[in-house]
Structures are given as C-alpha cells and as structure tokens.
Amino acid sequence: NWNALNDALERTGKEQEFRRKVANSSYIVATSFFVS
C-alpha cells in the first residue's frame, strides 16, 4: 500500500534512506538476473 508507506516515510523524514534501501535491493535483484 504505497499511499500508507509514503505517508509514513514522509512523517519520519526517511524518504532518502528508503531510496537507498531500494537501491541496495536493486543490486540483489539484478544479480539474480545476471546469475540466470
């Protein structure tokens, strides 16, 4: 539920931190495709 998650990130001021975590997960996902 992106509306709820975005509201929570905005309240806590953690939008940038969450973007960094999404970037970290991107490396894991990309690795899965390179392995494939």
Full PDB file with SEQRES, HELIX, SHEET, SSBOND, CRYST1, ORIGX, SCALE, CONECT and MASTER records, all heavy atoms in Angstrom:
SEQRES   1 A   36  ASN TRP ASN ALA LEU ASN ASP ALA LEU GLU ARG THR GLY          
SEQRES   2 A   36  LYS GLU GLN GLU PHE ARG ARG LYS VAL ALA ASN SER SER          
SEQRES   3 A   36  TYR ILE VAL ALA THR SER PHE PHE VAL SER                      
HELIX    1 AA1 TRP A    2  THR A   12  1                                  11    
HELIX    2 AA2 GLU A   15  VAL A   35  1                                  21    
CRYST1    1.000    1.000    1.000  90.00  90.00  90.00 P 1           1          
ORIGX1      1.000000  0.000000  0.000000        0.00000                         
ORIGX2      0.000000  1.000000  0.000000        0.00000                         
ORIGX3      0.000000  0.000000  1.000000        0.00000                         
SCALE1      1.000000  0.000000  0.000000        0.00000                         
SCALE2      0.000000  1.000000  0.000000        0.00000                         
SCALE3      0.000000  0.000000  1.000000        0.00000                         
ATOM      1  N   ASN A   1       0.874  -1.170   0.000  1.00  0.00           N  
ATOM      2  CA  ASN A   1       0.000   0.000   0.000  1.00  0.00           C  
ATOM      3  C   ASN A   1       0.912   1.222   0.000  1.00  0.00           C  
ATOM      4  O   ASN A   1       1.356   1.698   1.052  1.00  0.00           O  
ATOM      5  CB  ASN A   1      -0.901  -0.011   1.237  1.00  0.00           C  
ATOM      6  CG  ASN A   1      -1.872   1.153   1.254  1.00  0.00           C  
ATOM      7  OD1 ASN A   1      -1.627   2.196   0.641  1.00  0.00           O  
ATOM      8  ND2 ASN A   1      -2.981   0.986   1.942  1.00  0.00           N  
ATOM      9  N   TRP A   2       1.202   1.721  -1.199  1.00  0.00           N  
ATOM     10  CA  TRP A   2       2.194   2.783  -1.322  1.00  0.00           C  
ATOM     11  C   TRP A   2       1.742   4.091  -0.681  1.00  0.00           C  
ATOM     12  O   TRP A   2       2.574   4.881  -0.214  1.00  0.00           O  
ATOM     13  CB  TRP A   2       2.568   2.992  -2.794  1.00  0.00           C  
ATOM     14  CG  TRP A   2       3.580   1.997  -3.234  1.00  0.00           C  
ATOM     15  CD1 TRP A   2       3.373   0.874  -3.963  1.00  0.00           C  
ATOM     16  CD2 TRP A   2       4.979   2.017  -2.921  1.00  0.00           C  
ATOM     17  NE1 TRP A   2       4.557   0.183  -4.132  1.00  0.00           N  
ATOM     18  CE2 TRP A   2       5.541   0.860  -3.503  1.00  0.00           C  
ATOM     19  CE3 TRP A   2       5.788   2.887  -2.201  1.00  0.00           C  
ATOM     20  CZ2 TRP A   2       6.904   0.565  -3.394  1.00  0.00           C  
ATOM     21  CZ3 TRP A   2       7.143   2.594  -2.085  1.00  0.00           C  
ATOM     22  CH2 TRP A   2       7.685   1.452  -2.684  1.00  0.00           C  
ATOM     23  N   ASN A   3       0.457   4.377  -0.673  1.00  0.00           N  
ATOM     24  CA  ASN A   3      -0.029   5.598  -0.029  1.00  0.00           C  
ATOM     25  C   ASN A   3       0.316   5.608   1.459  1.00  0.00           C  
ATOM     26  O   ASN A   3       0.821   6.593   1.996  1.00  0.00           O  
ATOM     27  CB  ASN A   3      -1.538   5.743  -0.224  1.00  0.00           C  
ATOM     28  CG  ASN A   3      -1.907   6.069  -1.660  1.00  0.00           C  
ATOM     29  OD1 ASN A   3      -1.128   6.703  -2.371  1.00  0.00           O  
ATOM     30  ND2 ASN A   3      -3.077   5.634  -2.093  1.00  0.00           N  
ATOM     31  N   ALA A   4       0.055   4.472   2.111  1.00  0.00           N  
ATOM     32  CA  ALA A   4       0.346   4.363   3.540  1.00  0.00           C  
ATOM     33  C   ALA A   4       1.851   4.416   3.797  1.00  0.00           C  
ATOM     34  O   ALA A   4       2.313   5.082   4.736  1.00  0.00           O  
ATOM     35  CB  ALA A   4      -0.235   3.062   4.093  1.00  0.00           C  
ATOM     36  N   LEU A   5       2.622   3.721   2.961  1.00  0.00           N  
ATOM     37  CA  LEU A   5       4.071   3.697   3.154  1.00  0.00           C  
ATOM     38  C   LEU A   5       4.685   5.081   2.909  1.00  0.00           C  
ATOM     39  O   LEU A   5       5.527   5.543   3.700  1.00  0.00           O  
ATOM     40  CB  LEU A   5       4.710   2.673   2.223  1.00  0.00           C  
ATOM     41  CG  LEU A   5       6.241   2.558   2.299  1.00  0.00           C  
ATOM     42  CD1 LEU A   5       6.697   2.250   3.719  1.00  0.00           C  
ATOM     43  CD2 LEU A   5       6.755   1.490   1.333  1.00  0.00           C  
ATOM     44  N   ASN A   6       4.270   5.742   1.857  1.00  0.00           N  
ATOM     45  CA  ASN A   6       4.802   7.084   1.570  1.00  0.00           C  
ATOM     46  C   ASN A   6       4.459   8.079   2.675  1.00  0.00           C  
ATOM     47  O   ASN A   6       5.274   8.939   3.035  1.00  0.00           O  
ATOM     48  CB  ASN A   6       4.276   7.589   0.224  1.00  0.00           C  
ATOM     49  CG  ASN A   6       4.915   6.869  -0.955  1.00  0.00           C  
ATOM     50  OD1 ASN A   6       6.054   6.424  -0.868  1.00  0.00           O  
ATOM     51  ND2 ASN A   6       4.182   6.759  -2.051  1.00  0.00           N  
ATOM     52  N   ASP A   7       3.244   7.961   3.219  1.00  0.00           N  
ATOM     53  CA  ASP A   7       2.849   8.839   4.331  1.00  0.00           C  
ATOM     54  C   ASP A   7       3.755   8.606   5.537  1.00  0.00           C  
ATOM     55  O   ASP A   7       4.197   9.564   6.199  1.00  0.00           O  
ATOM     56  CB  ASP A   7       1.391   8.583   4.721  1.00  0.00           C  
ATOM     57  CG  ASP A   7       0.413   9.133   3.688  1.00  0.00           C  
ATOM     58  OD1 ASP A   7       0.838   9.950   2.842  1.00  0.00           O  
ATOM     59  OD2 ASP A   7      -0.765   8.723   3.719  1.00  0.00           O  
ATOM     60  N   ALA A   8       4.030   7.340   5.841  1.00  0.00           N  
ATOM     61  CA  ALA A   8       4.882   7.000   6.992  1.00  0.00           C  
ATOM     62  C   ALA A   8       6.314   7.491   6.780  1.00  0.00           C  
ATOM     63  O   ALA A   8       6.947   8.014   7.706  1.00  0.00           O  
ATOM     64  CB  ALA A   8       4.876   5.494   7.224  1.00  0.00           C  
ATOM     65  N   LEU A   9       6.821   7.345   5.563  1.00  0.00           N  
ATOM     66  CA  LEU A   9       8.181   7.807   5.261  1.00  0.00           C  
ATOM     67  C   LEU A   9       8.276   9.324   5.353  1.00  0.00           C  
ATOM     68  O   LEU A   9       9.281   9.868   5.827  1.00  0.00           O  
ATOM     69  CB  LEU A   9       8.591   7.332   3.854  1.00  0.00           C  
ATOM     70  CG  LEU A   9       8.781   5.831   3.680  1.00  0.00           C  
ATOM     71  CD1 LEU A   9       8.984   5.488   2.204  1.00  0.00           C  
ATOM     72  CD2 LEU A   9       9.974   5.327   4.504  1.00  0.00           C  
ATOM     73  N   GLU A  10       7.216   9.997   4.920  1.00  0.00           N  
ATOM     74  CA  GLU A  10       7.197  11.461   4.986  1.00  0.00           C  
ATOM     75  C   GLU A  10       7.141  11.941   6.433  1.00  0.00           C  
ATOM     76  O   GLU A  10       7.811  12.908   6.800  1.00  0.00           O  
ATOM     77  CB  GLU A  10       6.000  11.993   4.196  1.00  0.00           C  
ATOM     78  CG  GLU A  10       5.986  13.514   4.053  1.00  0.00           C  
ATOM     79  CD  GLU A  10       4.843  14.004   3.183  1.00  0.00           C  
ATOM     80  OE1 GLU A  10       4.153  13.166   2.565  1.00  0.00           O  
ATOM     81  OE2 GLU A  10       4.643  15.231   3.125  1.00  0.00           O  
ATOM     82  N   ARG A  11       6.353  11.255   7.260  1.00  0.00           N  
ATOM     83  CA  ARG A  11       6.237  11.637   8.679  1.00  0.00           C  
ATOM     84  C   ARG A  11       7.572  11.507   9.395  1.00  0.00           C  
ATOM     85  O   ARG A  11       7.917  12.321  10.254  1.00  0.00           O  
ATOM     86  CB  ARG A  11       5.197  10.766   9.391  1.00  0.00           C  
ATOM     87  CG  ARG A  11       3.760  11.107   9.081  1.00  0.00           C  
ATOM     88  CD  ARG A  11       2.819  10.478  10.102  1.00  0.00           C  
ATOM     89  NE  ARG A  11       3.007   9.043  10.222  1.00  0.00           N  
ATOM     90  CZ  ARG A  11       2.361   8.144   9.494  1.00  0.00           C  
ATOM     91  NH1 ARG A  11       1.504   8.530   8.556  1.00  0.00           N  
ATOM     92  NH2 ARG A  11       2.574   6.843   9.670  1.00  0.00           N  
ATOM     93  N   THR A  12       8.308  10.466   9.055  1.00  0.00           N  
ATOM     94  CA  THR A  12       9.581  10.197   9.729  1.00  0.00           C  
ATOM     95  C   THR A  12      10.774  10.836   9.026  1.00  0.00           C  
ATOM     96  O   THR A  12      11.900  10.789   9.549  1.00  0.00           O  
ATOM     97  CB  THR A  12       9.815   8.675   9.827  1.00  0.00           C  
ATOM     98  OG1 THR A  12       9.771   8.101   8.506  1.00  0.00           O  
ATOM     99  CG2 THR A  12       8.753   8.022  10.696  1.00  0.00           C  
ATOM    100  N   GLY A  13      10.534  11.429   7.862  1.00  0.00           N  
ATOM    101  CA  GLY A  13      11.624  12.051   7.116  1.00  0.00           C  
ATOM    102  C   GLY A  13      12.644  11.051   6.615  1.00  0.00           C  
ATOM    103  O   GLY A  13      13.841  11.367   6.510  1.00  0.00           O  
ATOM    104  N   LYS A  14      12.194   9.844   6.303  1.00  0.00           N  
ATOM    105  CA  LYS A  14      13.116   8.778   5.905  1.00  0.00           C  
ATOM    106  C   LYS A  14      13.022   8.432   4.415  1.00  0.00           C  
ATOM    107  O   LYS A  14      13.421   7.343   4.013  1.00  0.00           O  
ATOM    108  CB  LYS A  14      12.816   7.523   6.733  1.00  0.00           C  
ATOM    109  CG  LYS A  14      13.028   7.681   8.228  1.00  0.00           C  
ATOM    110  CD  LYS A  14      14.503   7.874   8.549  1.00  0.00           C  
ATOM    111  CE  LYS A  14      14.752   7.968  10.043  1.00  0.00           C  
ATOM    112  NZ  LYS A  14      14.513   6.713  10.742  1.00  0.00           N  
ATOM    113  N   GLU A  15      12.508   9.354   3.604  1.00  0.00           N  
ATOM    114  CA  GLU A  15      12.361   9.043   2.165  1.00  0.00           C  
ATOM    115  C   GLU A  15      13.701   8.705   1.521  1.00  0.00           C  
ATOM    116  O   GLU A  15      13.815   7.716   0.777  1.00  0.00           O  
ATOM    117  CB  GLU A  15      11.731  10.225   1.406  1.00  0.00           C  
ATOM    118  CG  GLU A  15      10.310  10.549   1.836  1.00  0.00           C  
ATOM    119  CD  GLU A  15      10.278  11.707   2.799  1.00  0.00           C  
ATOM    120  OE1 GLU A  15      11.258  11.874   3.561  1.00  0.00           O  
ATOM    121  OE2 GLU A  15       9.282  12.454   2.771  1.00  0.00           O  
ATOM    122  N   GLN A  16      14.728   9.509   1.791  1.00  0.00           N  
ATOM    123  CA  GLN A  16      16.040   9.281   1.178  1.00  0.00           C  
ATOM    124  C   GLN A  16      16.651   7.964   1.643  1.00  0.00           C  
ATOM    125  O   GLN A  16      17.245   7.227   0.856  1.00  0.00           O  
ATOM    126  CB  GLN A  16      16.981  10.449   1.506  1.00  0.00           C  
ATOM    127  CG  GLN A  16      16.635  11.750   0.814  1.00  0.00           C  
ATOM    128  CD  GLN A  16      16.731  11.631  -0.698  1.00  0.00           C  
ATOM    129  OE1 GLN A  16      17.556  10.897  -1.242  1.00  0.00           O  
ATOM    130  NE2 GLN A  16      15.863  12.354  -1.401  1.00  0.00           N  
ATOM    131  N   GLU A  17      16.494   7.680   2.920  1.00  0.00           N  
ATOM    132  CA  GLU A  17      17.042   6.430   3.450  1.00  0.00           C  
ATOM    133  C   GLU A  17      16.364   5.229   2.791  1.00  0.00           C  
ATOM    134  O   GLU A  17      17.026   4.245   2.441  1.00  0.00           O  
ATOM    135  CB  GLU A  17      16.860   6.365   4.972  1.00  0.00           C  
ATOM    136  CG  GLU A  17      17.484   5.119   5.592  1.00  0.00           C  
ATOM    137  CD  GLU A  17      17.355   5.090   7.101  1.00  0.00           C  
ATOM    138  OE1 GLU A  17      16.928   6.115   7.687  1.00  0.00           O  
ATOM    139  OE2 GLU A  17      17.681   4.041   7.689  1.00  0.00           O  
ATOM    140  N   PHE A  18      15.042   5.326   2.597  1.00  0.00           N  
ATOM    141  CA  PHE A  18      14.323   4.218   1.966  1.00  0.00           C  
ATOM    142  C   PHE A  18      14.764   4.045   0.507  1.00  0.00           C  
ATOM    143  O   PHE A  18      14.905   2.917   0.034  1.00  0.00           O  
ATOM    144  CB  PHE A  18      12.812   4.456   2.033  1.00  0.00           C  
ATOM    145  CG  PHE A  18      12.009   3.338   1.421  1.00  0.00           C  
ATOM    146  CD1 PHE A  18      11.959   2.088   2.019  1.00  0.00           C  
ATOM    147  CD2 PHE A  18      11.314   3.531   0.239  1.00  0.00           C  
ATOM    148  CE1 PHE A  18      11.233   1.058   1.462  1.00  0.00           C  
ATOM    149  CE2 PHE A  18      10.584   2.515  -0.335  1.00  0.00           C  
ATOM    150  CZ  PHE A  18      10.549   1.271   0.281  1.00  0.00           C  
ATOM    151  N   ARG A  19      15.019   5.158  -0.184  1.00  0.00           N  
ATOM    152  CA  ARG A  19      15.500   5.064  -1.564  1.00  0.00           C  
ATOM    153  C   ARG A  19      16.832   4.328  -1.624  1.00  0.00           C  
ATOM    154  O   ARG A  19      17.094   3.557  -2.557  1.00  0.00           O  
ATOM    155  CB  ARG A  19      15.639   6.461  -2.182  1.00  0.00           C  
ATOM    156  CG  ARG A  19      14.308   7.140  -2.468  1.00  0.00           C  
ATOM    157  CD  ARG A  19      14.499   8.372  -3.345  1.00  0.00           C  
ATOM    158  NE  ARG A  19      13.250   9.115  -3.472  1.00  0.00           N  
ATOM    159  CZ  ARG A  19      12.938  10.177  -2.758  1.00  0.00           C  
ATOM    160  NH1 ARG A  19      13.810  10.634  -1.861  1.00  0.00           N  
ATOM    161  NH2 ARG A  19      11.789  10.798  -2.924  1.00  0.00           N  
ATOM    162  N   ARG A  20      17.681   4.563  -0.625  1.00  0.00           N  
ATOM    163  CA  ARG A  20      18.968   3.853  -0.580  1.00  0.00           C  
ATOM    164  C   ARG A  20      18.758   2.358  -0.366  1.00  0.00           C  
ATOM    165  O   ARG A  20      19.475   1.523  -0.956  1.00  0.00           O  
ATOM    166  CB  ARG A  20      19.859   4.431   0.525  1.00  0.00           C  
ATOM    167  CG  ARG A  20      20.390   5.831   0.219  1.00  0.00           C  
ATOM    168  CD  ARG A  20      21.531   6.198   1.158  1.00  0.00           C  
ATOM    169  NE  ARG A  20      21.074   6.320   2.537  1.00  0.00           N  
ATOM    170  CZ  ARG A  20      20.616   7.453   3.067  1.00  0.00           C  
ATOM    171  NH1 ARG A  20      20.557   8.550   2.316  1.00  0.00           N  
ATOM    172  NH2 ARG A  20      20.230   7.500   4.326  1.00  0.00           N  
ATOM    173  N   LYS A  21      17.769   2.004   0.454  1.00  0.00           N  
ATOM    174  CA  LYS A  21      17.487   0.586   0.679  1.00  0.00           C  
ATOM    175  C   LYS A  21      16.928  -0.068  -0.588  1.00  0.00           C  
ATOM    176  O   LYS A  21      17.247  -1.222  -0.901  1.00  0.00           O  
ATOM    177  CB  LYS A  21      16.482   0.421   1.828  1.00  0.00           C  
ATOM    178  CG  LYS A  21      16.929   1.033   3.153  1.00  0.00           C  
ATOM    179  CD  LYS A  21      18.277   0.495   3.606  1.00  0.00           C  
ATOM    180  CE  LYS A  21      18.671   1.109   4.944  1.00  0.00           C  
ATOM    181  NZ  LYS A  21      20.004   0.629   5.397  1.00  0.00           N  
ATOM    182  N   VAL A  22      16.089   0.675  -1.320  1.00  0.00           N  
ATOM    183  CA  VAL A  22      15.562   0.164  -2.583  1.00  0.00           C  
ATOM    184  C   VAL A  22      16.706  -0.051  -3.569  1.00  0.00           C  
ATOM    185  O   VAL A  22      16.746  -1.046  -4.305  1.00  0.00           O  
ATOM    186  CB  VAL A  22      14.515   1.128  -3.184  1.00  0.00           C  
ATOM    187  CG1 VAL A  22      14.129   0.701  -4.597  1.00  0.00           C  
ATOM    188  CG2 VAL A  22      13.270   1.177  -2.300  1.00  0.00           C  
ATOM    189  N   ALA A  23      17.689   0.886  -3.560  1.00  0.00           N  
ATOM    190  CA  ALA A  23      18.849   0.743  -4.441  1.00  0.00           C  
ATOM    191  C   ALA A  23      19.643  -0.509  -4.075  1.00  0.00           C  
ATOM    192  O   ALA A  23      20.103  -1.254  -4.955  1.00  0.00           O  
ATOM    193  CB  ALA A  23      19.737   1.983  -4.340  1.00  0.00           C  
ATOM    194  N   ASN A  24      19.805  -0.775  -2.777  1.00  0.00           N  
ATOM    195  CA  ASN A  24      20.513  -1.986  -2.345  1.00  0.00           C  
ATOM    196  C   ASN A  24      19.803  -3.242  -2.837  1.00  0.00           C  
ATOM    197  O   ASN A  24      20.438  -4.201  -3.294  1.00  0.00           O  
ATOM    198  CB  ASN A  24      20.622  -2.017  -0.818  1.00  0.00           C  
ATOM    199  CG  ASN A  24      21.568  -0.963  -0.285  1.00  0.00           C  
ATOM    200  OD1 ASN A  24      22.416  -0.456  -1.013  1.00  0.00           O  
ATOM    201  ND2 ASN A  24      21.426  -0.616   0.983  1.00  0.00           N  
ATOM    202  N   SER A  25      18.470  -3.227  -2.731  1.00  0.00           N  
ATOM    203  CA  SER A  25      17.712  -4.395  -3.189  1.00  0.00           C  
ATOM    204  C   SER A  25      17.819  -4.556  -4.706  1.00  0.00           C  
ATOM    205  O   SER A  25      17.751  -5.666  -5.228  1.00  0.00           O  
ATOM    206  CB  SER A  25      16.248  -4.279  -2.773  1.00  0.00           C  
ATOM    207  OG  SER A  25      15.583  -3.270  -3.504  1.00  0.00           O  
ATOM    208  N   SER A  26      18.000  -3.425  -5.414  1.00  0.00           N  
ATOM    209  CA  SER A  26      18.162  -3.491  -6.868  1.00  0.00           C  
ATOM    210  C   SER A  26      19.392  -4.297  -7.238  1.00  0.00           C  
ATOM    211  O   SER A  26      19.384  -5.045  -8.229  1.00  0.00           O  
ATOM    212  CB  SER A  26      18.266  -2.084  -7.472  1.00  0.00           C  
ATOM    213  OG  SER A  26      17.068  -1.369  -7.328  1.00  0.00           O  
ATOM    214  N   TYR A  27      20.454  -4.156  -6.450  1.00  0.00           N  
ATOM    215  CA  TYR A  27      21.676  -4.921  -6.734  1.00  0.00           C  
ATOM    216  C   TYR A  27      21.426  -6.419  -6.561  1.00  0.00           C  
ATOM    217  O   TYR A  27      21.942  -7.233  -7.329  1.00  0.00           O  
ATOM    218  CB  TYR A  27      22.802  -4.464  -5.803  1.00  0.00           C  
ATOM    219  CG  TYR A  27      23.253  -3.039  -6.039  1.00  0.00           C  
ATOM    220  CD1 TYR A  27      23.214  -2.099  -5.023  1.00  0.00           C  
ATOM    221  CD2 TYR A  27      23.701  -2.631  -7.297  1.00  0.00           C  
ATOM    222  CE1 TYR A  27      23.620  -0.789  -5.234  1.00  0.00           C  
ATOM    223  CE2 TYR A  27      24.109  -1.314  -7.519  1.00  0.00           C  
ATOM    224  CZ  TYR A  27      24.055  -0.412  -6.486  1.00  0.00           C  
ATOM    225  OH  TYR A  27      24.450   0.898  -6.709  1.00  0.00           O  
ATOM    226  N   ILE A  28      20.632  -6.764  -5.547  1.00  0.00           N  
ATOM    227  CA  ILE A  28      20.325  -8.181  -5.320  1.00  0.00           C  
ATOM    228  C   ILE A  28      19.493  -8.735  -6.474  1.00  0.00           C  
ATOM    229  O   ILE A  28      19.755  -9.817  -6.997  1.00  0.00           O  
ATOM    230  CB  ILE A  28      19.583  -8.376  -3.983  1.00  0.00           C  
ATOM    231  CG1 ILE A  28      20.423  -7.851  -2.821  1.00  0.00           C  
ATOM    232  CG2 ILE A  28      19.254  -9.856  -3.767  1.00  0.00           C  
ATOM    233  CD1 ILE A  28      19.698  -7.872  -1.469  1.00  0.00           C  
ATOM    234  N   VAL A  29      18.461  -7.959  -6.873  1.00  0.00           N  
ATOM    235  CA  VAL A  29      17.580  -8.391  -7.955  1.00  0.00           C  
ATOM    236  C   VAL A  29      18.358  -8.489  -9.267  1.00  0.00           C  
ATOM    237  O   VAL A  29      18.222  -9.459 -10.023  1.00  0.00           O  
ATOM    238  CB  VAL A  29      16.392  -7.430  -8.112  1.00  0.00           C  
ATOM    239  CG1 VAL A  29      15.578  -7.773  -9.354  1.00  0.00           C  
ATOM    240  CG2 VAL A  29      15.494  -7.485  -6.873  1.00  0.00           C  
ATOM    241  N   ALA A  30      19.195  -7.490  -9.545  1.00  0.00           N  
ATOM    242  CA  ALA A  30      19.998  -7.518 -10.771  1.00  0.00           C  
ATOM    243  C   ALA A  30      20.922  -8.733 -10.775  1.00  0.00           C  
ATOM    244  O   ALA A  30      21.095  -9.389 -11.813  1.00  0.00           O  
ATOM    245  CB  ALA A  30      20.803  -6.231 -10.899  1.00  0.00           C  
ATOM    246  N   THR A  31      21.492  -9.034  -9.617  1.00  0.00           N  
ATOM    247  CA  THR A  31      22.363 -10.208  -9.508  1.00  0.00           C  
ATOM    248  C   THR A  31      21.616 -11.483  -9.871  1.00  0.00           C  
ATOM    249  O   THR A  31      22.155 -12.375 -10.535  1.00  0.00           O  
ATOM    250  CB  THR A  31      22.932 -10.327  -8.082  1.00  0.00           C  
ATOM    251  OG1 THR A  31      23.729  -9.177  -7.800  1.00  0.00           O  
ATOM    252  CG2 THR A  31      23.789 -11.581  -7.935  1.00  0.00           C  
ATOM    253  N   SER A  32      20.327 -11.574  -9.460  1.00  0.00           N  
ATOM    254  CA  SER A  32      19.539 -12.764  -9.771  1.00  0.00           C  
ATOM    255  C   SER A  32      19.393 -12.949 -11.279  1.00  0.00           C  
ATOM    256  O   SER A  32      19.447 -14.070 -11.789  1.00  0.00           O  
ATOM    257  CB  SER A  32      18.153 -12.683  -9.106  1.00  0.00           C  
ATOM    258  OG  SER A  32      17.307 -11.783  -9.794  1.00  0.00           O  
ATOM    259  N   PHE A  33      19.231 -11.845 -12.008  1.00  0.00           N  
ATOM    260  CA  PHE A  33      19.096 -11.937 -13.461  1.00  0.00           C  
ATOM    261  C   PHE A  33      20.434 -12.230 -14.132  1.00  0.00           C  
ATOM    262  O   PHE A  33      20.486 -12.954 -15.138  1.00  0.00           O  
ATOM    263  CB  PHE A  33      18.483 -10.649 -14.015  1.00  0.00           C  
ATOM    264  CG  PHE A  33      17.008 -10.526 -13.752  1.00  0.00           C  
ATOM    265  CD1 PHE A  33      16.537  -9.636 -12.812  1.00  0.00           C  
ATOM    266  CD2 PHE A  33      16.094 -11.324 -14.426  1.00  0.00           C  
ATOM    267  CE1 PHE A  33      15.177  -9.536 -12.547  1.00  0.00           C  
ATOM    268  CE2 PHE A  33      14.737 -11.225 -14.167  1.00  0.00           C  
ATOM    269  CZ  PHE A  33      14.277 -10.335 -13.230  1.00  0.00           C  
ATOM    270  N   PHE A  34      21.522 -11.695 -13.588  1.00  0.00           N  
ATOM    271  CA  PHE A  34      22.836 -11.992 -14.161  1.00  0.00           C  
ATOM    272  C   PHE A  34      23.221 -13.455 -13.920  1.00  0.00           C  
ATOM    273  O   PHE A  34      23.834 -14.089 -14.779  1.00  0.00           O  
ATOM    274  CB  PHE A  34      23.889 -11.054 -13.571  1.00  0.00           C  
ATOM    275  CG  PHE A  34      23.700  -9.607 -13.968  1.00  0.00           C  
ATOM    276  CD1 PHE A  34      23.910  -8.584 -13.062  1.00  0.00           C  
ATOM    277  CD2 PHE A  34      23.288  -9.279 -15.251  1.00  0.00           C  
ATOM    278  CE1 PHE A  34      23.730  -7.260 -13.437  1.00  0.00           C  
ATOM    279  CE2 PHE A  34      23.097  -7.954 -15.635  1.00  0.00           C  
ATOM    280  CZ  PHE A  34      23.321  -6.947 -14.726  1.00  0.00           C  
ATOM    281  N   VAL A  35      22.849 -13.977 -12.752  1.00  0.00           N  
ATOM    282  CA  VAL A  35      23.064 -15.406 -12.477  1.00  0.00           C  
ATOM    283  C   VAL A  35      22.258 -16.245 -13.457  1.00  0.00           C  
ATOM    284  O   VAL A  35      22.746 -17.231 -14.026  1.00  0.00           O  
ATOM    285  CB  VAL A  35      22.684 -15.746 -11.019  1.00  0.00           C  
ATOM    286  CG1 VAL A  35      22.620 -17.259 -10.814  1.00  0.00           C  
ATOM    287  CG2 VAL A  35      23.679 -15.131 -10.049  1.00  0.00           C  
ATOM    288  N   SER A  36      20.997 -15.854 -13.664  1.00  0.00           N  
ATOM    289  CA  SER A  36      20.130 -16.548 -14.611  1.00  0.00           C  
ATOM    290  C   SER A  36      20.728 -16.504 -16.016  1.00  0.00           C  
ATOM    291  O   SER A  36      20.705 -17.500 -16.751  1.00  0.00           O  
ATOM    292  CB  SER A  36      18.738 -15.924 -14.619  1.00  0.00           C  
ATOM    293  OG  SER A  36      17.910 -16.522 -15.591  1.00  0.00           O  
TER     294      SER A  36                                                      
MASTER        0    0    0    2    0    0    0    6  293    1    0    3          
END                                                                             
